[in-house]
C-alpha cells in the first residue's frame, strides 16, 4: 500500500509593525522570509502610516490584540525562529517578553528606536524595558549606528566606537550583538558581530550608491531569523543574511518605486519553499 509523503517547512514569525508601501515592517519580513525558502507568519504590533518618504503617524494596536495574535499563532504553528521589530510601548515589551519566556527557538530583535530623520520612535522607559526584558532573552540584537548611539548614550560613528559599544552591550546580558555599519562615512560597509566568549567578527562589503535602502534593517533581521530557523550557526546565518541584503539592494539600485527611499528587490534570487520529509 502506497503512503503519501508528508513534509515540514521551516517557519519564521515576524512580530513587527506595518508598512503600507510594502518596503519595511512585516511586509519586508514576509518577502524576505519567503524569498529565503521559509514560511512566514505575522503578529502586528503597530500601524505606522508611512511610505518611501517617511513615517506620518503611528497608530497603536491594543496590547490584548497583540496577545490574541500570539495565542492564535502558537496554538497552531510553533515558529522555528522569531524576528521582533517595532515594539513601541512599555506594555508591549512586557507582554512579548513574558509570552516568549518559555520559547525554545532562536529570536532576532531589531530594536527599531530611531527614524531615518533621526527622531526617537519610542520613549526612554520603553528603551530601558527592551534592555532589561528583551535583550537578555533574545539570541541576537541588530542595532544600526543611530540605535546603538541611543543605547550607548553617545555618538557612534566609527569602527572603533562600534567595537567598544558592542562589548558594552555584551556586558549588559546580551547573548550576541550585530552592529550594522550602513551609515558609516566610508566606501566600504562594515558590520560587527559580537558573541559571548567568541569575540568580534567583521563583515565587509562595497557600499552601493543608491537611496533604495528602505526596509534594509527589517530585511536583514528577518533574513538572519530565516537562517536560524534552518539551524545554521549564528555567524553563518549573519554572513548569508548580509549577502542577501547586499544583493537585494544591488538589485534595486536602478528602480524607481515611490518618491523617496525605495525598497529592496527582495526577490532578486528567490528560493523554493524548503521541505523536509517527515518520518512515516
Foldseek 3Di string as FASTA:
>chain_A
DDDDWDWDFAEEEEEWADEPQQFAIPSLLCLLLQLAQGHYHYQHAWYFHDHQAWTDDIGGDDLVSSVVSVVVCCVPPQHQEYEYEDDADQSNLVVVLVVCVPRDHAYEYEYPAAIPVGHGRHDPVNVVSCLVRVQLPHQEYEYEQSVLCVVVVHHDADPVSVLVSQVVSVVSNGQKYKYWQLPHPDQKTWIWIQGVPPGIDIDIDGHDPALQDRHLSRSLRSQLRSVVSVVDDNVVSNNVSVVLSVVQCVVCRPPDRDDHHHHTNSNPPGDHNDIDTDDD
